[in-house]
PDB file of N, CA and C in Angstrom:
ATOM      1  N   VAL A   1      21.099  80.434  24.649  1.00  0.00           N
ATOM      2  CA  VAL A   1      19.984  79.717  24.113  1.00  0.00           C
ATOM      3  C   VAL A   1      19.962  78.766  23.030  1.00  0.00           C
ATOM      4  N   VAL A   2      20.927  79.482  22.278  1.00  0.00           N
ATOM      5  CA  VAL A   2      20.747  79.174  21.115  1.00  0.00           C
ATOM      6  C   VAL A   2      21.880  77.903  21.360  1.00  0.00           C
ATOM      7  N   GLU A   3      22.565  77.471  22.147  1.00  0.00           N
ATOM      8  CA  GLU A   3      23.280  76.503  22.565  1.00  0.00           C
ATOM      9  C   GLU A   3      22.693  75.272  22.707  1.00  0.00           C
ATOM     10  N   ALA A   4      22.038  75.817  23.657  1.00  0.00           N
ATOM     11  CA  ALA A   4      20.448  74.747  24.674  1.00  0.00           C
ATOM     12  C   ALA A   4      19.712  74.761  23.401  1.00  0.00           C
ATOM     13  N   ASP A   5      19.579  75.145  21.956  1.00  0.00           N
ATOM     14  CA  ASP A   5      18.211  75.634  21.231  1.00  0.00           C
ATOM     15  C   ASP A   5      19.161  73.867  19.479  1.00  0.00           C
ATOM     16  N   ARG A   6      20.458  74.021  20.427  1.00  0.00           N
ATOM     17  CA  ARG A   6      20.430  73.001  19.380  1.00  0.00           C
ATOM     18  C   ARG A   6      21.389  72.000  19.900  1.00  0.00           C
ATOM     19  N   LYS A   7      21.168  72.172  21.201  1.00  0.00           N
ATOM     20  CA  LYS A   7      21.898  70.086  21.573  1.00  0.00           C
ATOM     21  C   LYS A   7      20.123  70.112  21.559  1.00  0.00           C
ATOM     22  N   LEU A   8      19.307  70.698  22.145  1.00  0.00           N
ATOM     23  CA  LEU A   8      17.946  69.886  22.262  1.00  0.00           C
ATOM     24  C   LEU A   8      17.275  69.656  20.890  1.00  0.00           C
ATOM     25  N   LEU A   9      17.776  70.498  19.520  1.00  0.00           N
ATOM     26  CA  LEU A   9      17.371  69.440  18.443  1.00  0.00           C
ATOM     27  C   LEU A   9      18.754  68.879  17.955  1.00  0.00           C
ATOM     28  N   ASP A  10      19.707  68.745  18.641  1.00  0.00           N
ATOM     29  CA  ASP A  10      20.439  67.324  18.633  1.00  0.00           C
ATOM     30  C   ASP A  10      19.416  66.143  19.266  1.00  0.00           C
ATOM     31  N   ALA A  11      19.202  66.295  20.633  1.00  0.00           N
ATOM     32  CA  ALA A  11      18.903  65.382  21.392  1.00  0.00           C
ATOM     33  C   ALA A  11      17.783  65.307  20.552  1.00  0.00           C
ATOM     34  N   ARG A  12      16.421  65.500  20.194  1.00  0.00           N
ATOM     35  CA  ARG A  12      15.924  65.289  19.708  1.00  0.00           C
ATOM     36  C   ARG A  12      16.106  64.427  17.370  1.00  0.00           C
ATOM     37  N   LYS A  13      17.304  64.860  17.282  1.00  0.00           N
ATOM     38  CA  LYS A  13      17.346  64.587  16.158  1.00  0.00           C
ATOM     39  C   LYS A  13      18.715  62.417  16.961  1.00  0.00           C
ATOM     40  N   ASP A  14      18.635  62.800  17.466  1.00  0.00           N
ATOM     41  CA  ASP A  14      19.218  61.196  18.350  1.00  0.00           C
ATOM     42  C   ASP A  14      18.300  60.755  18.768  1.00  0.00           C
ATOM     43  N   ALA A  15      17.901  60.937  19.471  1.00  0.00           N
ATOM     44  CA  ALA A  15      15.889  60.621  20.022  1.00  0.00           C
ATOM     45  C   ALA A  15      14.980  59.531  18.074  1.00  0.00           C
ATOM     46  N   VAL A  16      14.935  60.649  17.609  1.00  0.00           N
ATOM     47  CA  VAL A  16      14.235  60.114  16.841  1.00  0.00           C
ATOM     48  C   VAL A  16      15.491  59.246  15.600  1.00  0.00           C
ATOM     49  N   ASP A  17      16.912  59.871  16.026  1.00  0.00           N
ATOM     50  CA  ASP A  17      17.247  58.119  15.119  1.00  0.00           C
ATOM     51  C   ASP A  17      17.230  56.966  15.700  1.00  0.00           C
ATOM     52  N   ALA A  18      17.261  57.109  17.035  1.00  0.00           N
ATOM     53  CA  ALA A  18      17.207  55.752  17.768  1.00  0.00           C
ATOM     54  C   ALA A  18      16.155  55.092  17.780  1.00  0.00           C
ATOM     55  N   LEU A  19      14.637  56.227  17.776  1.00  0.00           N
ATOM     56  CA  LEU A  19      13.513  55.790  17.148  1.00  0.00           C
ATOM     57  C   LEU A  19      13.672  54.808  16.323  1.00  0.00           C
ATOM     58  N   ARG A  20      13.930  55.239  15.406  1.00  0.00           N
ATOM     59  CA  ARG A  20      14.140  55.066  13.768  1.00  0.00           C
ATOM     60  C   ARG A  20      14.458  53.155  13.478  1.00  0.00           C
ATOM     61  N   ILE A  21      15.730  53.041  14.195  1.00  0.00           N
ATOM     62  CA  ILE A  21      17.055  52.030  14.101  1.00  0.00           C
ATOM     63  C   ILE A  21      16.153  51.312  15.798  1.00  0.00           C
ATOM     64  N   ALA A  22      15.475  52.218  16.606  1.00  0.00           N
ATOM     65  CA  ALA A  22      14.388  51.359  17.439  1.00  0.00           C
ATOM     66  C   ALA A  22      13.513  50.255  16.349  1.00  0.00           C
ATOM     67  N   GLN A  23      12.665  51.153  15.796  1.00  0.00           N
ATOM     68  CA  GLN A  23      11.449  50.637  14.374  1.00  0.00           C
ATOM     69  C   GLN A  23      12.415  49.967  13.821  1.00  0.00           C
ATOM     70  N   ARG A  24      13.204  50.259  12.983  1.00  0.00           N
ATOM     71  CA  ARG A  24      13.454  49.285  12.325  1.00  0.00           C
ATOM     72  C   ARG A  24      13.896  47.883  12.755  1.00  0.00           C
ATOM     73  N   GLN A  25      14.811  47.536  14.227  1.00  0.00           N
ATOM     74  CA  GLN A  25      15.003  45.930  14.771  1.00  0.00           C
ATOM     75  C   GLN A  25      13.354  45.361  15.234  1.00  0.00           C
ATOM     76  N   ALA A  26      12.698  46.453  15.456  1.00  0.00           N
ATOM     77  CA  ALA A  26      11.754  45.608  15.794  1.00  0.00           C
ATOM     78  C   ALA A  26      10.611  45.060  14.329  1.00  0.00           C
ATOM     79  N   GLU A  27      10.973  45.827  13.020  1.00  0.00           N
ATOM     80  CA  GLU A  27       9.838  45.188  12.018  1.00  0.00           C
ATOM     81  C   GLU A  27      11.645  44.314  11.871  1.00  0.00           C
ATOM     82  N   GLY A  28      12.215  44.215  11.691  1.00  0.00           N
ATOM     83  CA  GLY A  28      13.035  43.166  11.628  1.00  0.00           C
ATOM     84  C   GLY A  28      13.057  41.587  12.765  1.00  0.00           C
ATOM     85  N   ARG A  29      12.886  42.385  13.959  1.00  0.00           N
ATOM     86  CA  ARG A  29      12.274  41.028  14.412  1.00  0.00           C
ATOM     87  C   ARG A  29      10.939  40.151  14.477  1.00  0.00           C
ATOM     88  N   ASN A  30       9.737  40.991  14.439  1.00  0.00           N
ATOM     89  CA  ASN A  30       9.192  41.025  13.426  1.00  0.00           C
ATOM     90  C   ASN A  30       8.605  40.646  12.296  1.00  0.00           C
ATOM     91  N   GLN A  31       9.643  41.088  11.447  1.00  0.00           N
ATOM     92  CA  GLN A  31      10.055  40.248  10.246  1.00  0.00           C
ATOM     93  C   GLN A  31      10.255  38.268  10.233  1.00  0.00           C
ATOM     94  N   ALA A  32      11.793  39.002  10.990  1.00  0.00           N
ATOM     95  CA  ALA A  32      11.654  37.786  11.828  1.00  0.00           C
ATOM     96  C   ALA A  32      10.770  36.400  12.255  1.00  0.00           C
ATOM     97  N   ALA A  33      10.239  36.376  12.962  1.00  0.00           N
ATOM     98  CA  ALA A  33       9.100  36.415  13.740  1.00  0.00           C
ATOM     99  C   ALA A  33       7.487  35.621  13.194  1.00  0.00           C
ATOM    100  N   HIS A  34       7.847  36.702  12.026  1.00  0.00           N
ATOM    101  CA  HIS A  34       6.544  36.142  11.340  1.00  0.00           C
ATOM    102  C   HIS A  34       7.066  35.547  10.052  1.00  0.00           C
ATOM    103  N   ASN A  35       8.229  35.768   9.356  1.00  0.00           N
ATOM    104  CA  ASN A  35       9.520  34.663   8.939  1.00  0.00           C
ATOM    105  C   ASN A  35       9.264  33.106   9.434  1.00  0.00           C
ATOM    106  N   ARG A  36       9.915  33.037  11.050  1.00  0.00           N
ATOM    107  CA  ARG A  36       9.986  32.168  11.545  1.00  0.00           C
ATOM    108  C   ARG A  36       8.256  31.106  11.701  1.00  0.00           C
ATOM    109  N   ALA A  37       7.276  32.115  11.285  1.00  0.00           N
ATOM    110  CA  ALA A  37       5.794  31.684  11.994  1.00  0.00           C
ATOM    111  C   ALA A  37       5.545  30.262  10.753  1.00  0.00           C
ATOM    112  N   LYS A  38       5.877  31.571   9.579  1.00  0.00           N
ATOM    113  CA  LYS A  38       4.954  30.893   8.609  1.00  0.00           C
ATOM    114  C   LYS A  38       6.084  29.483   7.931  1.00  0.00           C
ATOM    115  N   LEU A  39       7.324  29.325   8.460  1.00  0.00           N
ATOM    116  CA  LEU A  39       8.483  28.459   7.895  1.00  0.00           C
ATOM    117  C   LEU A  39       6.887  27.604   8.886  1.00  0.00           C
ATOM    118  N   ALA A  40       7.215  27.116  10.198  1.00  0.00           N
ATOM    119  CA  ALA A  40       6.086  26.548  11.154  1.00  0.00           C
ATOM    120  C   ALA A  40       5.173  26.362  10.072  1.00  0.00           C
ATOM    121  N   LYS A  41       4.825  26.527   9.944  1.00  0.00           N
ATOM    122  CA  LYS A  41       2.821  26.385   9.589  1.00  0.00           C
ATOM    123  C   LYS A  41       3.185  25.603   8.178  1.00  0.00           C
ATOM    124  N   GLN A  42       4.316  26.031   7.556  1.00  0.00           N
ATOM    125  CA  GLN A  42       4.824  25.214   6.341  1.00  0.00           C
ATOM    126  C   GLN A  42       4.678  23.555   6.101  1.00  0.00           C
ATOM    127  N   GLU A  43       6.446  23.709   7.480  1.00  0.00           N
ATOM    128  CA  GLU A  43       6.055  22.408   8.382  1.00  0.00           C
ATOM    129  C   GLU A  43       4.913  21.671   8.549  1.00  0.00           C
ATOM    130  N   ALA A  44       4.416  22.292   9.581  1.00  0.00           N
ATOM    131  CA  ALA A  44       3.022  21.265   9.932  1.00  0.00           C
ATOM    132  C   ALA A  44       2.379  21.376   9.218  1.00  0.00           C
ATOM    133  N   LYS A  45       1.906  22.163   7.630  1.00  0.00           N
ATOM    134  CA  LYS A  45       0.983  21.104   6.858  1.00  0.00           C
ATOM    135  C   LYS A  45       2.020  20.425   5.836  1.00  0.00           C
ATOM    136  N   GLN A  46       3.550  20.135   6.084  1.00  0.00           N
ATOM    137  CA  GLN A  46       4.093  19.768   5.343  1.00  0.00           C
ATOM    138  C   GLN A  46       3.717  18.339   5.506  1.00  0.00           C
ATOM    139  N   ILE A  47       4.011  18.212   7.501  1.00  0.00           N
ATOM    140  CA  ILE A  47       4.165  16.721   8.517  1.00  0.00           C
ATOM    141  C   ILE A  47       2.262  16.111   7.903  1.00  0.00           C
ATOM    142  N   LYS A  48       0.702  17.163   7.997  1.00  0.00           N
ATOM    143  CA  LYS A  48      -0.432  17.294   7.166  1.00  0.00           C
ATOM    144  C   LYS A  48      -1.022  16.316   6.400  1.00  0.00           C
ATOM    145  N   THR A  49       0.432  16.806   5.499  1.00  0.00           N
ATOM    146  CA  THR A  49      -0.043  16.255   3.737  1.00  0.00           C
ATOM    147  C   THR A  49       0.734  14.802   3.352  1.00  0.00           C
ATOM    148  N   ASP A  50       2.334  14.456   4.757  1.00  0.00           N
ATOM    149  CA  ASP A  50       2.588  13.686   4.480  1.00  0.00           C
ATOM    150  C   ASP A  50       1.277  12.230   4.859  1.00  0.00           C
ATOM    151  N   ALA A  51       1.937  12.897   5.957  1.00  0.00           N
ATOM    152  CA  ALA A  51       0.343  11.988   7.252  1.00  0.00           C
ATOM    153  C   ALA A  51      -0.453  10.857   5.788  1.00  0.00           C
ATOM    154  N   HIS A  52      -1.180  12.590   5.580  1.00  0.00           N
ATOM    155  CA  HIS A  52      -2.463  11.795   5.448  1.00  0.00           C
ATOM    156  C   HIS A  52      -2.139  10.990   3.344  1.00  0.00           C
ATOM    157  N   GLU A  53      -0.947  11.047   3.452  1.00  0.00           N
ATOM    158  CA  GLU A  53       0.330  10.353   2.275  1.00  0.00           C
ATOM    159  C   GLU A  53      -0.287   9.724   2.365  1.00  0.00           C
ATOM    160  N   LYS A  54       0.617   9.348   3.408  1.00  0.00           N
ATOM    161  CA  LYS A  54       1.539   7.588   4.139  1.00  0.00           C
ATOM    162  C   LYS A  54      -0.372   6.690   4.294  1.00  0.00           C
ATOM    163  N   VAL A  55      -1.339   8.166   4.951  1.00  0.00           N
ATOM    164  CA  VAL A  55      -2.682   6.851   5.584  1.00  0.00           C
ATOM    165  C   VAL A  55      -3.280   6.441   4.347  1.00  0.00           C
ATOM    166  N   THR A  56      -3.038   7.093   3.268  1.00  0.00           N
ATOM    167  CA  THR A  56      -3.944   6.340   2.698  1.00  0.00           C
ATOM    168  C   THR A  56      -3.162   5.549   0.978  1.00  0.00           C
ATOM    169  N   GLY A  57      -1.542   6.081   1.409  1.00  0.00           N
ATOM    170  CA  GLY A  57      -0.828   4.425   0.356  1.00  0.00           C
ATOM    171  C   GLY A  57      -1.192   3.679   1.536  1.00  0.00           C
ATOM    172  N   ASP A  58      -0.783   3.667   2.531  1.00  0.00           N
ATOM    173  CA  ASP A  58      -1.761   1.998   3.496  1.00  0.00           C
ATOM    174  C   ASP A  58      -2.680   1.829   2.617  1.00  0.00           C
ATOM    175  N   ARG A  59      -3.664   2.635   3.012  1.00  0.00           N
ATOM    176  CA  ARG A  59      -5.134   2.338   2.971  1.00  0.00           C
ATOM    177  C   ARG A  59      -4.620   1.347   1.533  1.00  0.00           C
ATOM    178  N   LEU A  60      -4.263   2.460   0.264  1.00  0.00           N
ATOM    179  CA  LEU A  60      -4.074   1.474  -0.747  1.00  0.00           C
ATOM    180  C   LEU A  60      -3.302   0.082  -0.824  1.00  0.00           C
ATOM    181  N   ALA A  61      -2.410   0.210  -0.823  1.00  0.00           N
ATOM    182  CA  ALA A  61      -1.846  -1.313  -0.555  1.00  0.00           C
ATOM    183  C   ALA A  61      -2.700  -2.086   0.297  1.00  0.00           C
ATOM    184  N   TRP A  62      -3.148  -1.800   1.677  1.00  0.00           N
ATOM    185  CA  TRP A  62      -3.843  -3.168   2.027  1.00  0.00           C
ATOM    186  C   TRP A  62      -4.973  -2.929   1.081  1.00  0.00           C
ATOM    187  N   LYS A  63      -5.471  -2.649   0.262  1.00  0.00           N
ATOM    188  CA  LYS A  63      -7.220  -2.565  -0.396  1.00  0.00           C
ATOM    189  C   LYS A  63      -6.053  -3.301  -1.670  1.00  0.00           C
ATOM    190  N   ARG A  64      -4.701  -3.746  -2.275  1.00  0.00           N
ATOM    191  CA  ARG A  64      -4.085  -3.853  -2.868  1.00  0.00           C
ATOM    192  C   ARG A  64      -3.576  -5.466  -2.448  1.00  0.00           C
ATOM    193  N   MET A  65      -3.299  -5.246  -2.157  1.00  0.00           N
ATOM    194  CA  MET A  65      -2.595  -6.213  -1.012  1.00  0.00           C
ATOM    195  C   MET A  65      -4.694  -7.517  -1.062  1.00  0.00           C
ATOM    196  N   MET A  66      -4.945  -7.539  -0.515  1.00  0.00           N
ATOM    197  CA  MET A  66      -6.575  -8.062  -0.183  1.00  0.00           C
ATOM    198  C   MET A  66      -6.904  -8.707  -1.325  1.00  0.00           C
ATOM    199  N   GLY A  67      -6.531  -7.856  -2.764  1.00  0.00           N
ATOM    200  CA  GLY A  67      -7.029  -7.491  -4.114  1.00  0.00           C
ATOM    201  C   GLY A  67      -6.084  -9.018  -4.373  1.00  0.00           C
ATOM    202  N   GLU A  68      -4.936  -8.904  -4.046  1.00  0.00           N
ATOM    203  CA  GLU A  68      -3.820  -9.734  -4.750  1.00  0.00           C
ATOM    204  C   GLU A  68      -4.424 -11.824  -3.619  1.00  0.00           C
ATOM    205  N   ALA A  69      -5.345 -10.798  -2.503  1.00  0.00           N
ATOM    206  CA  ALA A  69      -4.545 -12.097  -2.214  1.00  0.00           C
ATOM    207  C   ALA A  69      -6.754 -13.129  -2.129  1.00  0.00           C
ATOM    208  N   GLN A  70      -7.026 -12.628  -2.596  1.00  0.00           N
ATOM    209  CA  GLN A  70      -8.388 -13.156  -2.512  1.00  0.00           C
ATOM    210  C   GLN A  70      -8.602 -13.518  -4.527  1.00  0.00           C
ATOM    211  N   GLN A  71      -7.398 -12.659  -5.289  1.00  0.00           N
ATOM    212  CA  GLN A  71      -6.838 -13.759  -6.640  1.00  0.00           C
ATOM    213  C   GLN A  71      -6.356 -14.599  -6.294  1.00  0.00           C
ATOM    214  N   MET A  72      -5.750 -14.667  -5.785  1.00  0.00           N
ATOM    215  CA  MET A  72      -4.637 -15.541  -5.079  1.00  0.00           C
ATOM    216  C   MET A  72      -5.329 -17.163  -4.196  1.00  0.00           C
ATOM    217  N   GLN A  73      -6.628 -16.192  -3.795  1.00  0.00           N
ATOM    218  CA  GLN A  73      -7.508 -17.744  -2.901  1.00  0.00           C
ATOM    219  C   GLN A  73      -8.467 -18.385  -4.250  1.00  0.00           C
ATOM    220  N   GLN A  74      -8.529 -16.977  -5.763  1.00  0.00           N
ATOM    221  CA  GLN A  74      -9.532 -18.012  -6.761  1.00  0.00           C
ATOM    222  C   GLN A  74      -8.448 -18.561  -7.615  1.00  0.00           C
ATOM    223  N   THR A  75      -7.569 -18.712  -7.688  1.00  0.00           N
ATOM    224  CA  THR A  75      -6.205 -19.000  -8.616  1.00  0.00           C
ATOM    225  C   THR A  75      -6.406 -20.403  -7.749  1.00  0.00           C
ATOM    226  N   LEU A  76      -6.344 -20.719  -6.411  1.00  0.00           N
ATOM    227  CA  LEU A  76      -6.048 -21.897  -5.247  1.00  0.00           C
ATOM    228  C   LEU A  76      -7.271 -22.212  -5.380  1.00  0.00           C
ATOM    229  N   GLN A  77      -8.399 -22.057  -5.572  1.00  0.00           N
ATOM    230  CA  GLN A  77      -9.159 -22.937  -5.320  1.00  0.00           C
ATOM    231  C   GLN A  77      -9.846 -23.988  -7.004  1.00  0.00           C
ATOM    232  N   GLU A  78      -9.416 -22.300  -7.994  1.00  0.00           N
ATOM    233  CA  GLU A  78      -9.586 -23.107  -9.828  1.00  0.00           C
ATOM    234  C   GLU A  78      -8.114 -24.325  -9.801  1.00  0.00           C
ATOM    235  N   THR A  79      -7.240 -24.471  -8.972  1.00  0.00           N
ATOM    236  CA  THR A  79      -6.254 -24.997  -9.203  1.00  0.00           C
ATOM    237  C   THR A  79      -6.697 -26.483  -8.263  1.00  0.00           C
ATOM    238  N   VAL A  80      -7.422 -26.518  -7.065  1.00  0.00           N
ATOM    239  CA  VAL A  80      -7.868 -27.031  -6.846  1.00  0.00           C
ATOM    240  C   VAL A  80      -8.270 -27.896  -6.616  1.00  0.00           C
ATOM    241  N   ASP A  81      -9.921 -27.342  -7.774  1.00  0.00           N
ATOM    242  CA  ASP A  81     -11.219 -27.829  -8.697  1.00  0.00           C
ATOM    243  C   ASP A  81     -10.727 -28.880  -9.557  1.00  0.00           C
ATOM    244  N   SER A  82      -9.568 -28.105 -10.523  1.00  0.00           N
ATOM    245  CA  SER A  82      -8.933 -28.660 -11.626  1.00  0.00           C
ATOM    246  C   SER A  82      -8.843 -29.766 -11.401  1.00  0.00           C
ATOM    247  N   ILE A  83      -7.530 -30.482 -10.109  1.00  0.00           N
ATOM    248  CA  ILE A  83      -6.567 -31.427  -9.938  1.00  0.00           C
ATOM    249  C   ILE A  83      -8.228 -32.341  -9.156  1.00  0.00           C
ATOM    250  N   LEU A  84      -8.763 -32.500  -8.755  1.00  0.00           N
ATOM    251  CA  LEU A  84     -10.249 -33.437  -8.107  1.00  0.00           C
ATOM    252  C   LEU A  84     -10.820 -33.248  -9.620  1.00  0.00           C
ATOM    253  N   LYS A  85     -11.151 -32.449 -10.327  1.00  0.00           N
ATOM    254  CA  LYS A  85     -11.737 -32.805 -11.798  1.00  0.00           C
ATOM    255  C   LYS A  85     -10.967 -34.299 -12.352  1.00  0.00           C
ATOM    256  N   GLN A  86      -8.816 -33.971 -12.659  1.00  0.00           N
ATOM    257  CA  GLN A  86      -8.512 -34.806 -13.475  1.00  0.00           C
ATOM    258  C   GLN A  86      -8.744 -36.074 -12.813  1.00  0.00           C
ATOM    259  N   GLY A  87      -8.396 -35.985 -10.770  1.00  0.00           N
ATOM    260  CA  GLY A  87      -8.720 -36.952 -10.167  1.00  0.00           C
ATOM    261  C   GLY A  87     -10.041 -38.136 -10.366  1.00  0.00           C
ATOM    262  N   ARG A  88     -10.760 -37.755 -10.833  1.00  0.00           N
ATOM    263  CA  ARG A  88     -11.637 -37.743 -11.023  1.00  0.00           C
ATOM    264  C   ARG A  88     -12.257 -38.741 -12.558  1.00  0.00           C
ATOM    265  N   LYS A  89     -11.448 -37.827 -12.773  1.00  0.00           N
ATOM    266  CA  LYS A  89     -11.834 -38.528 -14.564  1.00  0.00           C
ATOM    267  C   LYS A  89     -10.520 -40.458 -14.270  1.00  0.00           C
ATOM    268  N   ALA A  90      -9.403 -39.509 -13.250  1.00  0.00           N
ATOM    269  CA  ALA A  90      -8.580 -40.796 -13.054  1.00  0.00           C
ATOM    270  C   ALA A  90      -9.220 -42.504 -12.328  1.00  0.00           C
ATOM    271  N   ARG A  91      -9.819 -42.119 -11.971  1.00  0.00           N
ATOM    272  CA  ARG A  91      -9.626 -42.720 -10.656  1.00  0.00           C
ATOM    273  C   ARG A  91     -11.154 -43.472 -11.999  1.00  0.00           C
ATOM    274  N   GLU A  92     -12.569 -42.755 -12.331  1.00  0.00           N
ATOM    275  CA  GLU A  92     -12.875 -42.643 -13.250  1.00  0.00           C
ATOM    276  C   GLU A  92     -12.307 -44.152 -14.843  1.00  0.00           C
ATOM    277  N   GLU A  93     -11.244 -43.585 -15.866  1.00  0.00           N
ATOM    278  CA  GLU A  93     -10.484 -44.521 -16.141  1.00  0.00           C
ATOM    279  C   GLU A  93     -10.190 -45.900 -15.617  1.00  0.00           C
ATOM    280  N   LEU A  94      -9.445 -45.371 -14.346  1.00  0.00           N
ATOM    281  CA  LEU A  94      -9.101 -46.563 -13.411  1.00  0.00           C
ATOM    282  C   LEU A  94     -10.014 -48.073 -13.576  1.00  0.00           C
ATOM    283  N   GLU A  95     -11.112 -47.204 -12.686  1.00  0.00           N
ATOM    284  CA  GLU A  95     -12.651 -47.821 -12.785  1.00  0.00           C
ATOM    285  C   GLU A  95     -13.412 -48.779 -14.348  1.00  0.00           C
ATOM    286  N   LYS A  96     -13.137 -48.222 -15.025  1.00  0.00           N
ATOM    287  CA  LYS A  96     -13.454 -48.523 -16.332  1.00  0.00           C
ATOM    288  C   LYS A  96     -12.219 -49.991 -16.879  1.00  0.00           C
ATOM    289  N   ASN A  97     -11.189 -49.545 -16.345  1.00  0.00           N
ATOM    290  CA  ASN A  97     -10.470 -50.343 -17.942  1.00  0.00           C
ATOM    291  C   ASN A  97     -10.241 -51.899 -15.688  1.00  0.00           C
ATOM    292  N   TRP A  98     -10.763 -51.730 -15.386  1.00  0.00           N
ATOM    293  CA  TRP A  98     -10.514 -52.808 -14.054  1.00  0.00           C
ATOM    294  C   TRP A  98     -11.807 -53.620 -14.749  1.00  0.00           C
ATOM    295  N   ARG A  99     -12.887 -52.926 -14.937  1.00  0.00           N
ATOM    296  CA  ARG A  99     -13.717 -53.771 -15.233  1.00  0.00           C
ATOM    297  C   ARG A  99     -13.858 -54.128 -16.200  1.00  0.00           C
ATOM    298  N   THR A 100     -12.965 -53.892 -17.319  1.00  0.00           N
ATOM    299  CA  THR A 100     -12.849 -54.224 -19.052  1.00  0.00           C
ATOM    300  C   THR A 100     -11.997 -55.381 -19.064  1.00  0.00           C
ATOM    301  N   GLU A 101     -10.972 -54.724 -17.920  1.00  0.00           N
ATOM    302  CA  GLU A 101     -10.368 -56.586 -17.484  1.00  0.00           C
ATOM    303  C   GLU A 101     -10.710 -57.541 -16.909  1.00  0.00           C
ATOM    304  N   LEU A 102     -11.327 -56.845 -15.841  1.00  0.00           N
ATOM    305  CA  LEU A 102     -12.621 -58.336 -15.339  1.00  0.00           C
ATOM    306  C   LEU A 102     -13.526 -59.350 -16.132  1.00  0.00           C
ATOM    307  N   VAL A 103     -13.609 -57.778 -17.132  1.00  0.00           N
ATOM    308  CA  VAL A 103     -14.887 -58.645 -18.075  1.00  0.00           C
ATOM    309  C   VAL A 103     -13.887 -59.512 -18.698  1.00  0.00           C
ATOM    310  N   GLY A 104     -12.412 -58.850 -18.759  1.00  0.00           N
ATOM    311  CA  GLY A 104     -11.950 -59.198 -19.644  1.00  0.00           C
ATOM    312  C   GLY A 104     -11.514 -61.210 -19.795  1.00  0.00           C
ATOM    313  N   GLU A 105     -11.059 -61.405 -17.915  1.00  0.00           N
ATOM    314  CA  GLU A 105     -10.193 -62.596 -17.235  1.00  0.00           C
ATOM    315  C   GLU A 105     -11.904 -63.170 -17.018  1.00  0.00           C
ATOM    316  N   GLU A 106     -12.679 -62.517 -16.956  1.00  0.00           N
ATOM    317  CA  GLU A 106     -13.807 -63.527 -17.035  1.00  0.00           C
ATOM    318  C   GLU A 106     -14.265 -63.991 -18.958  1.00  0.00           C
ATOM    319  N   HIS A 107     -14.805 -63.490 -19.296  1.00  0.00           N
ATOM    320  CA  HIS A 107     -14.169 -64.083 -21.323  1.00  0.00           C
ATOM    321  C   HIS A 107     -12.970 -65.434 -21.141  1.00  0.00           C
ATOM    322  N   GLU A 108     -11.524 -64.415 -20.471  1.00  0.00           N
ATOM    323  CA  GLU A 108     -11.205 -65.725 -20.968  1.00  0.00           C
ATOM    324  C   GLU A 108     -11.295 -66.898 -20.232  1.00  0.00           C
ATOM    325  N   SER A 109     -11.755 -66.523 -18.860  1.00  0.00           N
ATOM    326  CA  SER A 109     -12.335 -68.065 -18.014  1.00  0.00           C
ATOM    327  C   SER A 109     -12.632 -68.743 -18.841  1.00  0.00           C
ATOM    328  N   VAL A 110     -13.678 -68.035 -18.810  1.00  0.00           N
ATOM    329  CA  VAL A 110     -14.737 -68.416 -19.685  1.00  0.00           C
ATOM    330  C   VAL A 110     -15.243 -69.627 -21.121  1.00  0.00           C
ATOM    331  N   LEU A 111     -13.617 -68.582 -21.704  1.00  0.00           N
ATOM    332  CA  LEU A 111     -13.357 -69.533 -23.278  1.00  0.00           C
ATOM    333  C   LEU A 111     -12.447 -71.065 -22.252  1.00  0.00           C
ATOM    334  N   THR A 112     -11.493 -71.078 -21.330  1.00  0.00           N
ATOM    335  CA  THR A 112     -11.101 -71.665 -21.071  1.00  0.00           C
ATOM    336  C   THR A 112     -11.440 -73.176 -20.875  1.00  0.00           C
ATOM    337  N   GLU A 113     -12.155 -72.228 -20.237  1.00  0.00           N
ATOM    338  CA  GLU A 113     -13.026 -73.300 -19.622  1.00  0.00           C
ATOM    339  C   GLU A 113     -13.931 -74.655 -20.967  1.00  0.00           C
ATOM    340  N   LYS A 114     -14.459 -73.704 -21.891  1.00  0.00           N
ATOM    341  CA  LYS A 114     -15.151 -74.238 -22.470  1.00  0.00           C
ATOM    342  C   LYS A 114     -14.210 -74.915 -23.683  1.00  0.00           C
ATOM    343  N   LEU A 115     -13.258 -74.482 -23.904  1.00  0.00           N
ATOM    344  CA  LEU A 115     -13.110 -74.835 -24.780  1.00  0.00           C
ATOM    345  C   LEU A 115     -12.492 -76.537 -24.988  1.00  0.00           C
ATOM    346  N   PRO A 116     -11.977 -76.258 -23.436  1.00  0.00           N
ATOM    347  CA  PRO A 116     -10.827 -77.928 -23.484  1.00  0.00           C
ATOM    348  C   PRO A 116     -11.959 -79.001 -23.386  1.00  0.00           C
ATOM    349  N   ALA A 117     -13.489 -78.188 -22.952  1.00  0.00           N
ATOM    350  CA  ALA A 117     -14.775 -79.489 -23.135  1.00  0.00           C
ATOM    351  C   ALA A 117     -15.648 -79.290 -24.421  1.00  0.00           C
ATOM    352  N   ALA A 118     -15.338 -78.240 -25.102  1.00  0.00           N
ATOM    353  CA  ALA A 118     -15.890 -78.416 -26.633  1.00  0.00           C
ATOM    354  C   ALA A 118     -14.556 -79.179 -27.216  1.00  0.00           C
ATOM    355  N   ARG A 119     -13.102 -79.012 -27.742  1.00  0.00           N
ATOM    356  CA  ARG A 119     -12.576 -79.767 -28.055  1.00  0.00           C
ATOM    357  C   ARG A 119     -12.793 -81.376 -27.423  1.00  0.00           C
TER     358      ARG A 119
END
């Protein structure tokens, strides 16, 4: 009976040890699964953050490009206006000079026609 009790106690001890080992293994697997889940959650969060930053960055880049395009269009329009204004001034100056030359030629022809007659 004592031998049987000792074997029973040993069996109980072995069972408790096996249970503790199984429990530690299960806890280890649970911890590993928890760590994997936590890592996957962090990766998903990082992917979401990266995507948001990319969309935000793309949106800001688009706005910046549109602003630059608008600025370039305005500069181009100012340049065109300036060129047109210079062209108008040059045309007016040419017309003025042309009229002056015509008037001057008319005076010369009038003078040359009248001078011989006056002599």
